[in-house]
N, C-alpha and C. Protein backbone atom coordinates (compact mmCIF):
# COMPACT_ATOMS: atom_id res chain seq x y z
N UNK A 1 30.62 -22.75 -88.70
CA UNK A 1 29.34 -23.41 -88.91
C UNK A 1 29.15 -23.63 -90.41
N UNK A 2 28.84 -24.88 -90.78
CA UNK A 2 28.67 -25.18 -92.20
C UNK A 2 27.22 -24.96 -92.60
N UNK A 3 27.07 -24.61 -93.84
CA UNK A 3 25.73 -24.39 -94.38
C UNK A 3 25.15 -25.72 -94.84
N UNK A 4 23.86 -25.89 -94.84
CA UNK A 4 23.23 -27.15 -95.23
C UNK A 4 23.53 -27.51 -96.67
N UNK A 5 23.76 -26.55 -97.56
CA UNK A 5 24.03 -26.85 -98.96
C UNK A 5 25.49 -27.20 -99.23
N UNK A 6 26.32 -27.21 -98.18
CA UNK A 6 27.73 -27.57 -98.35
C UNK A 6 28.01 -29.00 -97.88
N UNK A 7 27.00 -29.84 -97.98
CA UNK A 7 27.15 -31.22 -97.52
C UNK A 7 28.14 -32.01 -98.38
N UNK A 8 28.45 -31.56 -99.58
CA UNK A 8 29.32 -32.31 -100.48
C UNK A 8 30.80 -32.12 -100.19
N UNK A 9 31.12 -31.21 -99.31
CA UNK A 9 32.54 -30.99 -99.00
C UNK A 9 33.08 -32.22 -98.29
N UNK A 10 34.15 -32.76 -98.82
CA UNK A 10 34.69 -33.99 -98.22
C UNK A 10 35.59 -33.66 -97.05
N UNK A 11 35.59 -34.57 -96.12
CA UNK A 11 36.42 -34.40 -94.94
C UNK A 11 37.78 -35.02 -95.17
N UNK A 12 38.77 -34.46 -94.58
CA UNK A 12 40.12 -35.00 -94.67
C UNK A 12 40.31 -36.06 -93.59
N UNK A 13 40.90 -37.18 -93.96
CA UNK A 13 41.17 -38.24 -92.99
C UNK A 13 42.67 -38.42 -92.90
N UNK A 14 43.10 -38.85 -91.76
CA UNK A 14 44.54 -39.04 -91.59
C UNK A 14 45.00 -40.25 -92.39
N UNK A 15 46.22 -40.23 -92.84
CA UNK A 15 46.74 -41.32 -93.66
C UNK A 15 46.89 -42.61 -92.85
N UNK A 16 47.10 -42.52 -91.55
CA UNK A 16 47.20 -43.72 -90.71
C UNK A 16 45.87 -44.46 -90.65
N UNK A 17 44.78 -43.73 -90.58
CA UNK A 17 43.46 -44.38 -90.54
C UNK A 17 43.18 -45.09 -91.85
N UNK A 18 43.49 -44.46 -92.96
CA UNK A 18 43.27 -45.07 -94.27
C UNK A 18 44.13 -46.31 -94.43
N UNK A 19 45.37 -46.23 -94.01
CA UNK A 19 46.29 -47.36 -94.13
C UNK A 19 45.79 -48.54 -93.30
N UNK A 20 45.31 -48.29 -92.09
CA UNK A 20 44.84 -49.39 -91.25
C UNK A 20 43.56 -50.02 -91.82
N UNK A 21 42.70 -49.20 -92.42
CA UNK A 21 41.48 -49.73 -93.03
C UNK A 21 41.83 -50.60 -94.23
N UNK A 22 42.76 -50.16 -95.03
CA UNK A 22 43.16 -50.94 -96.21
C UNK A 22 43.81 -52.25 -95.81
N UNK A 23 44.57 -52.28 -94.74
CA UNK A 23 45.21 -53.51 -94.30
C UNK A 23 44.19 -54.50 -93.76
N UNK A 24 43.18 -54.03 -93.06
CA UNK A 24 42.17 -54.92 -92.50
C UNK A 24 41.26 -55.52 -93.56
N UNK A 25 40.98 -54.78 -94.61
CA UNK A 25 40.04 -55.23 -95.62
C UNK A 25 40.72 -55.85 -96.83
N UNK A 26 41.93 -56.33 -96.66
CA UNK A 26 42.61 -56.93 -97.81
C UNK A 26 42.01 -58.30 -98.09
N UNK A 27 41.99 -58.65 -99.36
CA UNK A 27 41.41 -59.91 -99.78
C UNK A 27 42.37 -61.06 -99.53
N UNK A 28 41.81 -62.21 -99.21
CA UNK A 28 42.62 -63.42 -99.08
C UNK A 28 42.11 -64.42 -100.10
N UNK A 29 43.02 -65.00 -100.85
CA UNK A 29 42.67 -65.92 -101.92
C UNK A 29 43.12 -67.32 -101.55
N UNK A 30 42.27 -68.28 -101.86
CA UNK A 30 42.64 -69.67 -101.63
C UNK A 30 43.32 -70.22 -102.87
N UNK A 31 43.93 -71.38 -102.73
CA UNK A 31 44.62 -72.00 -103.85
C UNK A 31 43.61 -72.39 -104.93
N UNK A 32 44.04 -72.36 -106.17
CA UNK A 32 43.15 -72.71 -107.29
C UNK A 32 43.26 -74.19 -107.61
N UNK A 33 42.90 -75.01 -106.66
CA UNK A 33 42.92 -76.45 -106.83
C UNK A 33 41.56 -77.00 -106.39
N UNK A 34 41.11 -78.02 -107.07
CA UNK A 34 39.81 -78.60 -106.74
C UNK A 34 39.78 -79.11 -105.31
N UNK A 35 40.84 -79.79 -104.89
CA UNK A 35 40.88 -80.36 -103.55
C UNK A 35 40.80 -79.25 -102.50
N UNK A 36 41.51 -78.14 -102.75
CA UNK A 36 41.47 -77.02 -101.80
C UNK A 36 40.08 -76.41 -101.73
N UNK A 37 39.43 -76.22 -102.89
CA UNK A 37 38.07 -75.68 -102.90
C UNK A 37 37.09 -76.61 -102.20
N UNK A 38 37.20 -77.90 -102.47
CA UNK A 38 36.28 -78.86 -101.86
C UNK A 38 36.49 -78.93 -100.35
N UNK A 39 37.74 -78.95 -99.92
CA UNK A 39 38.03 -79.00 -98.49
C UNK A 39 37.52 -77.75 -97.78
N UNK A 40 37.80 -76.59 -98.36
CA UNK A 40 37.34 -75.35 -97.75
C UNK A 40 35.82 -75.26 -97.73
N UNK A 41 35.19 -75.68 -98.82
CA UNK A 41 33.73 -75.64 -98.88
C UNK A 41 33.08 -76.57 -97.88
N UNK A 42 33.63 -77.76 -97.73
CA UNK A 42 33.05 -78.72 -96.79
C UNK A 42 33.32 -78.29 -95.35
N UNK A 43 34.52 -77.80 -95.10
CA UNK A 43 34.91 -77.43 -93.74
C UNK A 43 34.20 -76.18 -93.25
N UNK A 44 34.07 -75.17 -94.12
CA UNK A 44 33.60 -73.86 -93.67
C UNK A 44 32.15 -73.55 -94.01
N UNK A 45 31.48 -74.41 -94.73
CA UNK A 45 30.14 -74.08 -95.19
C UNK A 45 29.13 -75.13 -94.73
N UNK A 46 28.25 -74.79 -93.81
CA UNK A 46 27.28 -75.77 -93.33
C UNK A 46 26.26 -76.18 -94.40
N UNK A 47 26.00 -75.33 -95.38
CA UNK A 47 25.08 -75.68 -96.45
C UNK A 47 25.66 -76.79 -97.31
N UNK A 48 26.96 -76.71 -97.59
CA UNK A 48 27.61 -77.76 -98.38
C UNK A 48 27.55 -79.08 -97.62
N UNK A 49 27.84 -79.04 -96.32
CA UNK A 49 27.78 -80.27 -95.52
C UNK A 49 26.37 -80.86 -95.53
N UNK A 50 25.35 -80.02 -95.42
CA UNK A 50 23.97 -80.51 -95.42
C UNK A 50 23.62 -81.15 -96.77
N UNK A 51 24.07 -80.55 -97.86
CA UNK A 51 23.80 -81.13 -99.19
C UNK A 51 24.48 -82.48 -99.35
N UNK A 52 25.72 -82.58 -98.90
CA UNK A 52 26.44 -83.84 -99.02
C UNK A 52 25.77 -84.92 -98.17
N UNK A 53 25.33 -84.56 -96.98
CA UNK A 53 24.65 -85.54 -96.12
C UNK A 53 23.32 -85.98 -96.75
N UNK A 54 22.60 -85.06 -97.39
CA UNK A 54 21.34 -85.42 -98.05
C UNK A 54 21.59 -86.39 -99.21
N UNK A 55 22.66 -86.15 -99.96
CA UNK A 55 23.00 -87.07 -101.06
C UNK A 55 23.42 -88.43 -100.52
N UNK A 56 24.14 -88.44 -99.40
CA UNK A 56 24.52 -89.72 -98.80
C UNK A 56 23.30 -90.52 -98.38
N UNK A 57 22.37 -89.86 -97.71
CA UNK A 57 21.17 -90.56 -97.26
C UNK A 57 20.36 -91.09 -98.43
N UNK A 58 20.27 -90.30 -99.51
CA UNK A 58 19.53 -90.75 -100.69
C UNK A 58 20.22 -91.94 -101.33
N UNK A 59 21.54 -91.94 -101.37
CA UNK A 59 22.27 -93.07 -101.97
C UNK A 59 22.13 -94.33 -101.12
N UNK A 60 22.10 -94.18 -99.81
CA UNK A 60 21.95 -95.34 -98.93
C UNK A 60 20.57 -95.98 -99.10
N UNK A 61 19.55 -95.16 -99.27
CA UNK A 61 18.19 -95.67 -99.40
C UNK A 61 17.86 -96.21 -100.79
N UNK A 62 18.74 -96.01 -101.75
CA UNK A 62 18.51 -96.47 -103.12
C UNK A 62 18.69 -97.99 -103.17
N UNK A 63 17.69 -98.73 -103.63
CA UNK A 63 17.83 -100.19 -103.68
C UNK A 63 18.77 -100.61 -104.83
N UNK A 64 19.63 -101.57 -104.54
CA UNK A 64 20.55 -102.10 -105.54
C UNK A 64 20.15 -103.54 -105.80
N UNK A 65 19.81 -103.83 -107.05
CA UNK A 65 19.39 -105.17 -107.44
C UNK A 65 20.34 -105.66 -108.53
N UNK A 66 20.97 -106.78 -108.29
CA UNK A 66 21.88 -107.38 -109.26
C UNK A 66 21.10 -108.41 -110.07
N UNK A 67 21.20 -108.29 -111.39
CA UNK A 67 20.49 -109.24 -112.26
C UNK A 67 21.50 -109.95 -113.15
N UNK A 68 21.17 -111.16 -113.51
CA UNK A 68 22.04 -111.92 -114.43
C UNK A 68 21.65 -111.60 -115.87
N UNK A 69 22.29 -112.28 -116.81
CA UNK A 69 22.04 -112.00 -118.23
C UNK A 69 20.62 -112.37 -118.67
N UNK A 70 19.93 -113.18 -117.90
CA UNK A 70 18.54 -113.54 -118.22
C UNK A 70 17.54 -112.54 -117.65
N UNK A 71 18.02 -111.60 -116.82
CA UNK A 71 17.14 -110.61 -116.21
C UNK A 71 16.59 -111.03 -114.87
N UNK A 72 17.10 -112.15 -114.31
CA UNK A 72 16.63 -112.63 -113.02
C UNK A 72 17.49 -112.01 -111.91
N UNK A 73 16.84 -111.72 -110.79
CA UNK A 73 17.55 -111.13 -109.66
C UNK A 73 18.46 -112.17 -109.02
N UNK A 74 19.67 -111.75 -108.68
CA UNK A 74 20.64 -112.61 -108.01
C UNK A 74 20.68 -112.19 -106.55
N UNK A 75 20.44 -113.17 -105.66
CA UNK A 75 20.37 -112.87 -104.23
C UNK A 75 21.75 -112.82 -103.57
N UNK A 76 22.61 -113.79 -103.87
CA UNK A 76 23.92 -113.88 -103.22
C UNK A 76 25.02 -113.75 -104.27
N UNK A 77 25.83 -112.72 -104.08
CA UNK A 77 26.97 -112.52 -104.99
C UNK A 77 28.00 -111.70 -104.21
N UNK A 78 29.30 -111.95 -104.45
CA UNK A 78 30.33 -111.18 -103.72
C UNK A 78 30.26 -109.68 -103.92
N UNK A 79 29.83 -109.23 -105.08
CA UNK A 79 29.73 -107.80 -105.32
C UNK A 79 28.66 -107.15 -104.45
N UNK A 80 27.58 -107.88 -104.15
CA UNK A 80 26.53 -107.35 -103.26
C UNK A 80 27.05 -107.16 -101.85
N UNK A 81 27.95 -108.06 -101.42
CA UNK A 81 28.53 -107.91 -100.09
C UNK A 81 29.39 -106.65 -100.01
N UNK A 82 30.06 -106.31 -101.11
CA UNK A 82 30.89 -105.10 -101.13
C UNK A 82 30.03 -103.84 -101.13
N UNK A 83 28.93 -103.89 -101.85
CA UNK A 83 28.05 -102.70 -101.93
C UNK A 83 27.27 -102.52 -100.65
């Protein structure tokens, strides 16, 4: 029977249990490339996807007005068809 003041005595654990814990909690590192970080962030993170979708919607709603050198709006131009 242990005494209440002997709570600091550490317990011995088997080496197999420690080894299995260390193997399960090992770190995994991704490649240090921008494309890998972006792909992983977009694929695995719903917050990143939501932010990108919000930026897309804001860009779509942004009005684009083409003006000539006089400052007048141009209605028909090939670049407007591309945008």
